[in-house]
């Protein structure tokens, strides 16, 4: 003999369009609106943790993507600067014919840009860490 289930009533107000959609789905499934609502509540309760976790993951992914795009923009800007400075050094070399001076200028520019890149990387890393920490909590 099967044990009789005890149900507790829950009253939920639906908008007219949602009620119509529920009625149509119930008709298609051959179930009552109450059965479908019960399934929906059960599904939500069973999957709530996963759903909330996915929402947090999505927010975290968007944050990391934004930081990544910023890093790419910084690198692109620095590549333009490197190209411009290299071209200026090359033109100076062509005017003076002094190859040693050209190499010294290029090395000086590389050293300055490396320092700037390290500073930019640190700034991006700190920004990412802060955003990720803020979003995770």
N, C-alpha and C. Protein backbone atom coordinates (compact mmCIF):
# COMPACT_ATOMS: atom_id res chain seq x y z
N UNK A 1 0.84 -1.16 0.00
CA UNK A 1 0.00 0.00 0.00
C UNK A 1 0.90 1.24 0.00
N UNK A 2 0.59 2.16 -0.90
CA UNK A 2 1.39 3.37 -1.02
C UNK A 2 0.94 4.39 0.01
N UNK A 3 1.93 5.12 0.51
CA UNK A 3 1.65 6.14 1.51
C UNK A 3 1.07 7.37 0.81
N UNK A 4 0.02 7.92 1.38
CA UNK A 4 -0.63 9.09 0.81
C UNK A 4 0.24 10.31 1.07
N UNK A 5 0.48 11.10 0.01
CA UNK A 5 1.27 12.31 0.15
C UNK A 5 0.43 13.43 0.74
N UNK A 6 1.08 14.22 1.55
CA UNK A 6 0.41 15.39 2.11
C UNK A 6 0.96 16.62 1.41
N UNK A 7 0.08 17.40 0.84
CA UNK A 7 0.48 18.61 0.14
C UNK A 7 0.09 19.84 0.96
N UNK A 8 0.93 20.86 0.88
CA UNK A 8 0.66 22.12 1.53
C UNK A 8 0.40 23.15 0.45
N UNK A 9 -0.63 23.93 0.63
CA UNK A 9 -1.01 24.89 -0.40
C UNK A 9 -0.08 26.09 -0.41
N UNK A 10 0.17 26.53 -1.63
CA UNK A 10 0.97 27.73 -1.85
C UNK A 10 0.23 28.52 -2.91
N UNK A 11 -0.04 29.76 -2.61
CA UNK A 11 -0.78 30.58 -3.56
C UNK A 11 0.18 31.55 -4.23
N UNK A 12 0.18 31.51 -5.56
CA UNK A 12 1.08 32.35 -6.33
C UNK A 12 0.26 33.11 -7.37
N UNK A 13 0.45 34.40 -7.41
CA UNK A 13 -0.23 35.20 -8.43
C UNK A 13 0.63 35.27 -9.68
N UNK A 14 0.02 35.03 -10.82
CA UNK A 14 0.72 35.10 -12.10
C UNK A 14 0.12 36.20 -12.96
N UNK A 15 0.95 36.78 -13.78
CA UNK A 15 0.42 37.71 -14.78
C UNK A 15 -0.42 36.91 -15.78
N UNK A 16 -1.33 37.58 -16.42
CA UNK A 16 -2.23 36.90 -17.35
C UNK A 16 -1.46 36.15 -18.43
N UNK A 17 -0.43 36.80 -18.99
CA UNK A 17 0.32 36.14 -20.08
C UNK A 17 1.06 34.92 -19.57
N UNK A 18 1.57 34.97 -18.33
CA UNK A 18 2.26 33.80 -17.75
C UNK A 18 1.28 32.68 -17.48
N UNK A 19 0.08 33.04 -17.01
CA UNK A 19 -0.95 32.03 -16.76
C UNK A 19 -1.35 31.33 -18.06
N UNK A 20 -1.46 32.11 -19.13
CA UNK A 20 -1.81 31.52 -20.43
C UNK A 20 -0.71 30.59 -20.91
N UNK A 21 0.54 31.01 -20.74
CA UNK A 21 1.66 30.16 -21.16
C UNK A 21 1.68 28.86 -20.36
N UNK A 22 1.43 28.97 -19.05
CA UNK A 22 1.40 27.79 -18.20
C UNK A 22 0.27 26.86 -18.59
N UNK A 23 -0.89 27.43 -18.88
CA UNK A 23 -2.05 26.62 -19.29
C UNK A 23 -1.76 25.90 -20.61
N UNK A 24 -1.13 26.59 -21.55
CA UNK A 24 -0.79 26.00 -22.85
C UNK A 24 0.21 24.85 -22.68
N UNK A 25 1.22 25.08 -21.85
CA UNK A 25 2.21 24.04 -21.61
C UNK A 25 1.57 22.84 -20.91
N UNK A 26 0.69 23.10 -19.95
CA UNK A 26 0.00 22.02 -19.24
C UNK A 26 -0.81 21.18 -20.24
N UNK A 27 -1.47 21.86 -21.16
CA UNK A 27 -2.26 21.17 -22.17
C UNK A 27 -1.37 20.29 -23.04
N UNK A 28 -0.23 20.84 -23.48
CA UNK A 28 0.71 20.09 -24.33
C UNK A 28 1.27 18.87 -23.58
N UNK A 29 1.57 19.05 -22.30
CA UNK A 29 2.19 17.99 -21.51
C UNK A 29 1.15 17.00 -20.97
N UNK A 30 -0.11 17.38 -21.00
CA UNK A 30 -1.15 16.52 -20.44
C UNK A 30 -1.10 16.50 -18.92
N UNK A 31 -0.71 17.60 -18.34
CA UNK A 31 -0.63 17.71 -16.88
C UNK A 31 -1.44 18.92 -16.44
N UNK A 32 -1.65 19.01 -15.15
CA UNK A 32 -2.34 20.19 -14.64
C UNK A 32 -1.33 21.31 -14.41
N UNK A 33 -1.83 22.54 -14.32
CA UNK A 33 -0.96 23.68 -14.05
C UNK A 33 -0.28 23.49 -12.69
N UNK A 34 -0.98 22.91 -11.75
CA UNK A 34 -0.43 22.68 -10.42
C UNK A 34 0.76 21.72 -10.48
N UNK A 35 0.61 20.65 -11.28
CA UNK A 35 1.72 19.69 -11.42
C UNK A 35 2.95 20.36 -12.02
N UNK A 36 2.73 21.17 -13.05
CA UNK A 36 3.86 21.88 -13.66
C UNK A 36 4.50 22.86 -12.69
N UNK A 37 3.70 23.57 -11.94
CA UNK A 37 4.23 24.52 -10.96
C UNK A 37 5.02 23.77 -9.89
N UNK A 38 4.52 22.63 -9.46
CA UNK A 38 5.22 21.81 -8.46
C UNK A 38 6.57 21.36 -9.00
N UNK A 39 6.60 20.90 -10.27
CA UNK A 39 7.85 20.50 -10.91
C UNK A 39 8.83 21.67 -11.00
N UNK A 40 8.30 22.84 -11.35
CA UNK A 40 9.16 24.03 -11.49
C UNK A 40 9.79 24.41 -10.15
N UNK A 41 9.00 24.37 -9.09
CA UNK A 41 9.52 24.71 -7.76
C UNK A 41 10.57 23.68 -7.35
N UNK A 42 10.28 22.39 -7.56
CA UNK A 42 11.23 21.34 -7.24
C UNK A 42 12.54 21.52 -8.00
N UNK A 43 12.42 21.80 -9.30
CA UNK A 43 13.60 22.01 -10.14
C UNK A 43 14.43 23.18 -9.60
N UNK A 44 13.76 24.27 -9.27
CA UNK A 44 14.46 25.44 -8.76
C UNK A 44 15.17 25.12 -7.45
N UNK A 45 14.49 24.46 -6.55
CA UNK A 45 15.10 24.12 -5.26
C UNK A 45 16.29 23.18 -5.45
N UNK A 46 16.15 22.20 -6.34
CA UNK A 46 17.24 21.25 -6.59
C UNK A 46 18.44 21.91 -7.27
N UNK A 47 18.21 22.93 -8.08
CA UNK A 47 19.27 23.52 -8.89
C UNK A 47 19.66 24.94 -8.50
N UNK A 48 19.11 25.45 -7.43
CA UNK A 48 19.35 26.84 -7.04
C UNK A 48 20.84 27.12 -6.85
N UNK A 49 21.53 26.24 -6.15
CA UNK A 49 22.96 26.47 -5.88
C UNK A 49 23.74 26.54 -7.20
N UNK A 50 23.45 25.64 -8.12
CA UNK A 50 24.14 25.64 -9.42
C UNK A 50 23.81 26.90 -10.22
N UNK A 51 22.56 27.31 -10.19
CA UNK A 51 22.13 28.50 -10.93
C UNK A 51 22.84 29.74 -10.38
N UNK A 52 22.87 29.88 -9.06
CA UNK A 52 23.53 31.06 -8.46
C UNK A 52 25.02 31.01 -8.73
N UNK A 53 25.59 29.82 -8.66
CA UNK A 53 27.02 29.67 -8.93
C UNK A 53 27.34 30.06 -10.37
N UNK A 54 26.49 29.65 -11.31
CA UNK A 54 26.68 30.00 -12.72
C UNK A 54 26.60 31.51 -12.92
N UNK A 55 25.68 32.17 -12.20
CA UNK A 55 25.56 33.62 -12.32
C UNK A 55 26.83 34.30 -11.82
N UNK A 56 27.37 33.82 -10.70
CA UNK A 56 28.61 34.39 -10.18
C UNK A 56 29.77 34.13 -11.15
N UNK A 57 29.82 32.90 -11.72
CA UNK A 57 30.87 32.57 -12.68
C UNK A 57 30.79 33.48 -13.89
N UNK A 58 29.57 33.74 -14.38
CA UNK A 58 29.40 34.60 -15.54
C UNK A 58 29.90 36.00 -15.25
N UNK A 59 29.58 36.52 -14.08
CA UNK A 59 30.04 37.84 -13.67
C UNK A 59 31.56 37.87 -13.57
N UNK A 60 32.13 36.82 -13.02
CA UNK A 60 33.58 36.72 -12.90
C UNK A 60 34.24 36.65 -14.28
N UNK A 61 33.65 35.89 -15.18
CA UNK A 61 34.18 35.78 -16.54
C UNK A 61 34.15 37.13 -17.24
N UNK A 62 33.05 37.87 -17.09
CA UNK A 62 32.97 39.21 -17.70
C UNK A 62 34.04 40.14 -17.12
N UNK A 63 34.27 40.04 -15.82
CA UNK A 63 35.27 40.88 -15.17
C UNK A 63 36.67 40.56 -15.70
N UNK A 64 37.00 39.27 -15.76
CA UNK A 64 38.31 38.86 -16.26
C UNK A 64 38.47 39.25 -17.72
N UNK A 65 37.40 39.09 -18.50
CA UNK A 65 37.46 39.47 -19.91
C UNK A 65 37.73 40.97 -20.06
N UNK A 66 37.09 41.79 -19.24
CA UNK A 66 37.32 43.23 -19.28
C UNK A 66 38.77 43.58 -18.95
N UNK A 67 39.32 42.91 -17.94
CA UNK A 67 40.73 43.15 -17.58
C UNK A 67 41.65 42.69 -18.71
N UNK A 68 41.33 41.56 -19.31
CA UNK A 68 42.13 41.03 -20.41
C UNK A 68 42.12 42.00 -21.60
N UNK A 69 40.95 42.53 -21.92
CA UNK A 69 40.85 43.48 -23.03
C UNK A 69 41.64 44.75 -22.72
N UNK A 70 41.63 45.18 -21.47
CA UNK A 70 42.42 46.35 -21.08
C UNK A 70 43.91 46.07 -21.25
N UNK A 71 44.34 44.88 -20.86
CA UNK A 71 45.76 44.51 -21.00
C UNK A 71 46.16 44.50 -22.47
N UNK A 72 45.30 43.99 -23.32
CA UNK A 72 45.59 43.97 -24.77
C UNK A 72 45.70 45.39 -25.30
N UNK A 73 44.82 46.27 -24.86
CA UNK A 73 44.87 47.67 -25.31
C UNK A 73 46.18 48.33 -24.89
N UNK A 74 46.61 48.04 -23.66
CA UNK A 74 47.87 48.62 -23.18
C UNK A 74 49.03 48.10 -24.02
N UNK A 75 49.04 46.81 -24.30
CA UNK A 75 50.12 46.25 -25.12
C UNK A 75 50.10 46.82 -26.54
N UNK A 76 48.93 47.01 -27.09
CA UNK A 76 48.83 47.60 -28.43
C UNK A 76 49.38 49.02 -28.43
N UNK A 77 49.01 49.81 -27.40
CA UNK A 77 49.52 51.17 -27.30
C UNK A 77 51.04 51.17 -27.18
N UNK A 78 51.57 50.26 -26.38
CA UNK A 78 53.02 50.20 -26.21
C UNK A 78 53.71 49.77 -27.50
N UNK A 79 53.10 48.89 -28.26
CA UNK A 79 53.69 48.50 -29.55
C UNK A 79 53.76 49.67 -30.51
N UNK A 80 52.75 50.51 -30.50
CA UNK A 80 52.77 51.71 -31.34
C UNK A 80 53.91 52.63 -30.89
N UNK A 81 54.03 52.79 -29.56
CA UNK A 81 55.11 53.63 -29.04
C UNK A 81 56.48 53.07 -29.41
N UNK A 82 56.64 51.78 -29.29
CA UNK A 82 57.91 51.14 -29.64
C UNK A 82 58.22 51.37 -31.12
N UNK A 83 57.22 51.15 -31.95
CA UNK A 83 57.42 51.34 -33.39
C UNK A 83 57.81 52.77 -33.73
N UNK A 84 57.13 53.72 -33.11
CA UNK A 84 57.42 55.13 -33.36
C UNK A 84 58.84 55.48 -32.92
N UNK A 85 59.20 55.07 -31.71
CA UNK A 85 60.53 55.38 -31.20
C UNK A 85 61.62 54.68 -32.02
N UNK A 86 61.35 53.45 -32.42
CA UNK A 86 62.32 52.72 -33.23
C UNK A 86 62.52 53.44 -34.57
N UNK A 87 61.42 53.89 -35.15
CA UNK A 87 61.51 54.61 -36.43
C UNK A 87 62.30 55.91 -36.27
N UNK A 88 62.07 56.64 -35.19
CA UNK A 88 62.82 57.88 -34.94
C UNK A 88 64.32 57.58 -34.77
N UNK A 89 64.61 56.53 -34.03
CA UNK A 89 66.02 56.17 -33.84
C UNK A 89 66.65 55.78 -35.17
N UNK A 90 65.91 55.05 -35.98
CA UNK A 90 66.42 54.62 -37.29
C UNK A 90 66.68 55.82 -38.21
N UNK A 91 65.74 56.76 -38.19
CA UNK A 91 65.94 57.97 -39.01
C UNK A 91 67.16 58.75 -38.54
N UNK A 92 67.37 58.83 -37.23
CA UNK A 92 68.55 59.50 -36.69
C UNK A 92 69.82 58.77 -37.14
N UNK A 93 69.75 57.45 -37.14
CA UNK A 93 70.89 56.63 -37.58
C UNK A 93 71.22 56.92 -39.03
N UNK A 94 70.18 57.02 -39.86
CA UNK A 94 70.40 57.29 -41.29
C UNK A 94 71.05 58.66 -41.49
N UNK A 95 70.68 59.64 -40.66
CA UNK A 95 71.24 60.98 -40.78
C UNK A 95 72.69 61.04 -40.32
N UNK A 96 72.97 60.36 -39.23
CA UNK A 96 74.32 60.45 -38.66
C UNK A 96 75.24 59.33 -39.12
N UNK A 97 74.67 58.19 -39.49
CA UNK A 97 75.47 57.05 -39.87
C UNK A 97 76.16 56.40 -38.68
N UNK A 98 75.77 56.77 -37.49
CA UNK A 98 76.41 56.27 -36.27
C UNK A 98 75.64 55.05 -35.75
N UNK A 99 76.11 53.86 -36.10
CA UNK A 99 75.41 52.61 -35.75
C UNK A 99 75.44 52.37 -34.24
N UNK A 100 76.55 52.69 -33.58
CA UNK A 100 76.64 52.48 -32.13
C UNK A 100 75.62 53.34 -31.38
N UNK A 101 75.45 54.56 -31.85
CA UNK A 101 74.47 55.46 -31.21
C UNK A 101 73.06 54.92 -31.42
N UNK A 102 72.77 54.41 -32.62
CA UNK A 102 71.46 53.82 -32.92
C UNK A 102 71.18 52.68 -31.95
N UNK A 103 72.14 51.78 -31.76
CA UNK A 103 71.96 50.63 -30.86
C UNK A 103 71.75 51.12 -29.42
N UNK A 104 72.51 52.13 -29.02
CA UNK A 104 72.37 52.67 -27.66
C UNK A 104 70.98 53.28 -27.45
N UNK A 105 70.50 54.03 -28.45
CA UNK A 105 69.17 54.64 -28.35
C UNK A 105 68.10 53.56 -28.28
N UNK A 106 68.19 52.56 -29.13
CA UNK A 106 67.20 51.46 -29.14
C UNK A 106 67.20 50.75 -27.79
N UNK A 107 68.38 50.45 -27.25
CA UNK A 107 68.45 49.77 -25.95
C UNK A 107 67.88 50.64 -24.83
N UNK A 108 68.13 51.93 -24.88
CA UNK A 108 67.58 52.85 -23.89
C UNK A 108 66.05 52.86 -23.96
N UNK A 109 65.52 52.93 -25.16
CA UNK A 109 64.07 52.93 -25.35
C UNK A 109 63.48 51.62 -24.84
N UNK A 110 64.11 50.49 -25.17
CA UNK A 110 63.61 49.18 -24.71
C UNK A 110 63.57 49.12 -23.19
N UNK A 111 64.62 49.64 -22.54
CA UNK A 111 64.70 49.62 -21.09
C UNK A 111 63.57 50.45 -20.47
N UNK A 112 63.32 51.63 -21.01
CA UNK A 112 62.24 52.48 -20.50
C UNK A 112 60.87 51.83 -20.70
N UNK A 113 60.67 51.24 -21.87
CA UNK A 113 59.38 50.61 -22.14
C UNK A 113 59.18 49.37 -21.27
N UNK A 114 60.26 48.63 -20.99
CA UNK A 114 60.15 47.48 -20.10
C UNK A 114 59.67 47.93 -18.72
N UNK A 115 60.24 49.02 -18.20
CA UNK A 115 59.81 49.54 -16.90
C UNK A 115 58.35 49.96 -16.94
N UNK A 116 57.97 50.63 -18.01
CA UNK A 116 56.57 51.06 -18.15
C UNK A 116 55.65 49.85 -18.23
N UNK A 117 56.08 48.82 -18.95
CA UNK A 117 55.27 47.61 -19.09
C UNK A 117 55.11 46.93 -17.73
N UNK A 118 56.17 46.86 -16.96
CA UNK A 118 56.09 46.25 -15.62
C UNK A 118 55.10 47.03 -14.76
N UNK A 119 55.17 48.35 -14.81
CA UNK A 119 54.23 49.18 -14.03
C UNK A 119 52.80 48.94 -14.48
N UNK A 120 52.57 48.90 -15.80
CA UNK A 120 51.22 48.65 -16.33
C UNK A 120 50.73 47.26 -15.94
N UNK A 121 51.62 46.25 -16.02
CA UNK A 121 51.24 44.89 -15.65
C UNK A 121 50.85 44.83 -14.17
N UNK A 122 51.61 45.51 -13.33
CA UNK A 122 51.30 45.52 -11.89
C UNK A 122 49.94 46.17 -11.66
N UNK A 123 49.69 47.27 -12.36
CA UNK A 123 48.41 47.97 -12.22
C UNK A 123 47.25 47.06 -12.66
N UNK A 124 47.41 46.37 -13.78
CA UNK A 124 46.36 45.46 -14.26
C UNK A 124 46.16 44.32 -13.29
N UNK A 125 47.26 43.72 -12.82
CA UNK A 125 47.15 42.59 -11.88
C UNK A 125 46.44 43.02 -10.60
N UNK A 126 46.80 44.18 -10.07
CA UNK A 126 46.14 44.67 -8.85
C UNK A 126 44.66 44.94 -9.10
N UNK A 127 44.35 45.53 -10.26
CA UNK A 127 42.95 45.80 -10.60
C UNK A 127 42.15 44.52 -10.76
N UNK A 128 42.74 43.51 -11.42
CA UNK A 128 42.06 42.23 -11.59
C UNK A 128 41.82 41.57 -10.24
N UNK A 129 42.85 41.57 -9.39
CA UNK A 129 42.73 40.95 -8.08
C UNK A 129 41.60 41.59 -7.28
N UNK A 130 41.53 42.92 -7.32
CA UNK A 130 40.48 43.64 -6.58
C UNK A 130 39.11 43.32 -7.14
N UNK A 131 38.96 43.36 -8.46
CA UNK A 131 37.65 43.08 -9.06
C UNK A 131 37.21 41.65 -8.79
N UNK A 132 38.13 40.70 -8.93
CA UNK A 132 37.78 39.30 -8.73
C UNK A 132 37.40 39.06 -7.26
N UNK A 133 38.16 39.66 -6.36
CA UNK A 133 37.86 39.51 -4.94
C UNK A 133 36.50 40.13 -4.61
N UNK A 134 36.23 41.32 -5.18
CA UNK A 134 34.94 41.98 -4.94
C UNK A 134 33.79 41.16 -5.49
N UNK A 135 33.96 40.58 -6.70
CA UNK A 135 32.87 39.82 -7.33
C UNK A 135 32.64 38.48 -6.65
N UNK A 136 33.71 37.89 -6.13
CA UNK A 136 33.58 36.57 -5.51
C UNK A 136 32.88 36.64 -4.16
N UNK A 137 32.96 37.80 -3.51
CA UNK A 137 32.31 37.88 -2.19
C UNK A 137 30.92 38.39 -2.24
